[in-house]
C-alpha atoms as a PDB file:
ATOM      1  CA  MET A   1     -19.749   1.495   0.137  1.00  0.00           C
ATOM      2  CA  GLN A   2     -21.696  -0.892   2.333  1.00  0.00           C
ATOM      3  CA  LEU A   3     -21.265  -1.375   6.087  1.00  0.00           C
ATOM      4  CA  ALA A   4     -21.521  -4.909   7.416  1.00  0.00           C
ATOM      5  CA  GLY A   5     -21.095  -4.971  11.198  1.00  0.00           C
ATOM      6  CA  ASN A   6     -17.716  -3.475  11.882  1.00  0.00           C
ATOM      7  CA  LEU A   7     -16.421  -4.211   8.423  1.00  0.00           C
ATOM      8  CA  VAL A   8     -16.483  -1.746   5.455  1.00  0.00           C
ATOM      9  CA  GLN A   9     -17.018  -3.562   2.269  1.00  0.00           C
ATOM     10  CA  PRO A  10     -16.096  -1.434  -0.772  1.00  0.00           C
ATOM     11  CA  GLU A  11     -18.353  -1.771  -3.809  1.00  0.00           C
ATOM     12  CA  ARG A  12     -15.308  -1.960  -6.042  1.00  0.00           C
ATOM     13  CA  VAL A  13     -11.882  -3.270  -5.041  1.00  0.00           C
ATOM     14  CA  GLU A  14      -8.829  -3.085  -7.319  1.00  0.00           C
ATOM     15  CA  HIS A  15      -5.212  -4.120  -7.043  1.00  0.00           C
ATOM     16  CA  ALA A  16      -2.617  -1.593  -8.086  1.00  0.00           C
ATOM     17  CA  PHE A  17       1.178  -1.492  -8.346  1.00  0.00           C
ATOM     18  CA  ALA A  18       3.057   1.778  -8.551  1.00  0.00           C
ATOM     19  CA  ARG A  19       5.694   0.428 -10.916  1.00  0.00           C
ATOM     20  CA  PRO A  20       5.931  -2.376 -13.437  1.00  0.00           C
ATOM     21  CA  ARG A  21       7.012  -5.575 -11.617  1.00  0.00           C
ATOM     22  CA  ARG A  22      10.058  -6.276 -13.838  1.00  0.00           C
ATOM     23  CA  PHE A  23      11.597  -2.898 -13.061  1.00  0.00           C
ATOM     24  CA  VAL A  24      10.801  -3.272  -9.400  1.00  0.00           C
ATOM     25  CA  ALA A  25      12.350  -6.818  -9.221  1.00  0.00           C
ATOM     26  CA  CYS A  26      15.594  -5.730 -10.938  1.00  0.00           C
ATOM     27  CA  GLN A  27      15.970  -2.608  -8.778  1.00  0.00           C
ATOM     28  CA  LYS A  28      15.069  -4.496  -5.664  1.00  0.00           C
ATOM     29  CA  ARG A  29      17.622  -7.281  -6.205  1.00  0.00           C
ATOM     30  CA  GLU A  30      20.435  -4.750  -6.409  1.00  0.00           C
ATOM     31  CA  LEU A  31      19.278  -2.927  -3.311  1.00  0.00           C
ATOM     32  CA  VAL A  32      18.744  -6.186  -1.285  1.00  0.00           C
ATOM     33  CA  ALA A  33      22.270  -7.224  -2.236  1.00  0.00           C
ATOM     34  CA  MET A  34      23.610  -3.959  -0.761  1.00  0.00           C
ATOM     35  CA  LEU A  35      21.292  -3.690   2.293  1.00  0.00           C
ATOM     36  CA  GLY A  36      20.288  -7.212   3.126  1.00  0.00           C
ATOM     37  CA  PRO A  37      16.797  -8.795   2.697  1.00  0.00           C
ATOM     38  CA  SER A  38      15.292  -7.740   5.976  1.00  0.00           C
ATOM     39  CA  GLU A  39      16.441  -4.139   5.625  1.00  0.00           C
ATOM     40  CA  PHE A  40      14.649  -3.146   2.501  1.00  0.00           C
ATOM     41  CA  VAL A  41      10.939  -3.296   1.706  1.00  0.00           C
ATOM     42  CA  MET A  42       9.400  -1.432  -1.252  1.00  0.00           C
ATOM     43  CA  PHE A  43       6.024   0.191  -1.811  1.00  0.00           C
ATOM     44  CA  ALA A  44       5.388  -2.404  -4.628  1.00  0.00           C
ATOM     45  CA  ASP A  45       5.876  -5.300  -2.111  1.00  0.00           C
ATOM     46  CA  TYR A  46       2.412  -4.478  -0.659  1.00  0.00           C
ATOM     47  CA  LYS A  47      -1.147  -5.109  -1.967  1.00  0.00           C
ATOM     48  CA  ILE A  48      -3.080  -1.896  -2.355  1.00  0.00           C
ATOM     49  CA  VAL A  49      -6.892  -1.632  -2.080  1.00  0.00           C
ATOM     50  CA  ILE A  50      -8.521   1.230  -3.889  1.00  0.00           C
ATOM     51  CA  TYR A  51     -12.193   2.192  -3.690  1.00  0.00           C
ATOM     52  CA  ARG A  52     -14.436   5.085  -4.322  1.00  0.00           C
ATOM     53  CA  GLN A  53     -16.471   6.551  -1.427  1.00  0.00           C
ATOM     54  CA  GLU A  54     -20.077   7.868  -1.638  1.00  0.00           C
ATOM     55  CA  ASP A  55     -18.843  11.430  -1.986  1.00  0.00           C
ATOM     56  CA  GLU A  56     -16.911  10.390  -5.116  1.00  0.00           C
ATOM     57  CA  SER A  57     -13.459  10.706  -3.405  1.00  0.00           C
ATOM     58  CA  TRP A  58     -10.957   7.809  -3.698  1.00  0.00           C
ATOM     59  CA  VAL A  59      -9.302   5.907  -0.858  1.00  0.00           C
ATOM     60  CA  ALA A  60      -6.057   3.967  -1.459  1.00  0.00           C
ATOM     61  CA  GLU A  61      -4.715   1.940   1.418  1.00  0.00           C
ATOM     62  CA  ILE A  62      -2.208  -0.725   2.284  1.00  0.00           C
ATOM     63  CA  PRO A  63      -4.181  -2.884   4.683  1.00  0.00           C
ATOM     64  CA  ALA A  64      -0.919  -4.559   6.096  1.00  0.00           C
ATOM     65  CA  ILE A  65       0.332  -1.323   7.522  1.00  0.00           C
ATOM     66  CA  SER A  66      -1.837   0.442  10.120  1.00  0.00           C
ATOM     67  CA  GLY A  67      -2.547   4.098   9.161  1.00  0.00           C
ATOM     68  CA  CYS A  68      -1.203   3.673   5.617  1.00  0.00           C
ATOM     69  CA  TYR A  69      -3.996   5.171   3.548  1.00  0.00           C
ATOM     70  CA  ALA A  70      -4.757   8.228   1.406  1.00  0.00           C
ATOM     71  CA  LEU A  71      -8.039  10.012   0.593  1.00  0.00           C
ATOM     72  CA  MET A  72      -7.982  12.158  -2.475  1.00  0.00           C
ATOM     73  CA  PRO A  73     -10.367  13.425  -5.224  1.00  0.00           C
ATOM     74  CA  THR A  74      -8.979  11.211  -7.968  1.00  0.00           C
ATOM     75  CA  ARG A  75      -7.784   7.665  -8.149  1.00  0.00           C
ATOM     76  CA  GLN A  76      -4.333   8.670  -9.449  1.00  0.00           C
ATOM     77  CA  GLU A  77      -3.915  11.311  -6.694  1.00  0.00           C
ATOM     78  CA  ALA A  78      -4.857   8.743  -4.035  1.00  0.00           C
ATOM     79  CA  LEU A  79      -2.238   6.334  -5.397  1.00  0.00           C
ATOM     80  CA  SER A  80       0.398   9.004  -5.584  1.00  0.00           C
ATOM     81  CA  GLU A  81      -0.320  10.299  -2.034  1.00  0.00           C
ATOM     82  CA  LEU A  82      -0.350   6.723  -0.739  1.00  0.00           C
ATOM     83  CA  GLU A  83       3.231   6.230  -1.931  1.00  0.00           C
ATOM     84  CA  ASN A  84       4.241   9.397  -0.065  1.00  0.00           C
ATOM     85  CA  VAL A  85       2.472   8.117   3.139  1.00  0.00           C
ATOM     86  CA  PHE A  86       4.150   4.792   2.703  1.00  0.00           C
ATOM     87  CA  GLU A  87       7.608   6.424   2.428  1.00  0.00           C
ATOM     88  CA  MET A  88       6.912   8.575   5.668  1.00  0.00           C
ATOM     89  CA  ILE A  89       5.855   5.499   7.582  1.00  0.00           C
ATOM     90  CA  ALA A  90       8.756   3.388   6.237  1.00  0.00           C
ATOM     91  CA  GLU A  91      11.212   6.114   7.413  1.00  0.00           C
ATOM     92  CA  GLU A  92       9.665   6.049  10.905  1.00  0.00           C
ATOM     93  CA  TYR A  93      10.040   2.302  11.062  1.00  0.00           C
ATOM     94  CA  ARG A  94      13.724   2.604   9.834  1.00  0.00           C
ATOM     95  CA  GLU A  95      14.564   5.324  12.388  1.00  0.00           C
ATOM     96  CA  SER A  96      13.188   3.239  15.249  1.00  0.00           C
ATOM     97  CA  GLY A  97      14.965   0.144  14.004  1.00  0.00           C
ATOM     98  CA  ARG A  98      11.740  -1.833  13.397  1.00  0.00           C
ATOM     99  CA  PRO A  99      11.004  -3.756  10.224  1.00  0.00           C
ATOM    100  CA  LEU A 100       7.853  -2.952   8.293  1.00  0.00           C
ATOM    101  CA  PRO A 101       5.092  -5.596   8.743  1.00  0.00           C
ATOM    102  CA  LYS A 102       4.952  -8.309   6.131  1.00  0.00           C
ATOM    103  CA  ASP A 103       1.998  -8.163   3.773  1.00  0.00           C
ATOM    104  CA  ASN A 104      -0.285 -11.079   4.589  1.00  0.00           C
ATOM    105  CA  THR A 105      -3.241  -9.356   2.887  1.00  0.00           C
ATOM    106  CA  GLU A 106      -5.572 -11.728   1.012  1.00  0.00           C
ATOM    107  CA  ILE A 107      -8.034 -10.211  -1.362  1.00  0.00           C
ATOM    108  CA  VAL A 108     -11.310 -12.222  -1.564  1.00  0.00           C
ATOM    109  CA  HIS A 109     -14.089 -11.263  -3.906  1.00  0.00           C
ATOM    110  CA  ALA A 110     -17.356 -11.861  -2.218  1.00  0.00           C
END
């Protein structure tokens, strides 16, 4: 990983979705019909950035949600833990009556 000013630029950036989009879209349509569009946001609605650190551990994060990241020994463990972290944060937002931030993340390959 390279540091450039205050920005951390991972050597390798990947997109990942926890579930196939077709399954998520079908499931989400049904839930949105029940809950309303602003009430329900899923893990798969967010872009995920995954990168390996110098110590060989993996970081998975959702840049759109402050504090939503996981650091684990393997890529798959990082993704799995990130989903758990997302669910905890989403629950906190729901309990406080606030909507989760929209994902305005743009991935640019430099």
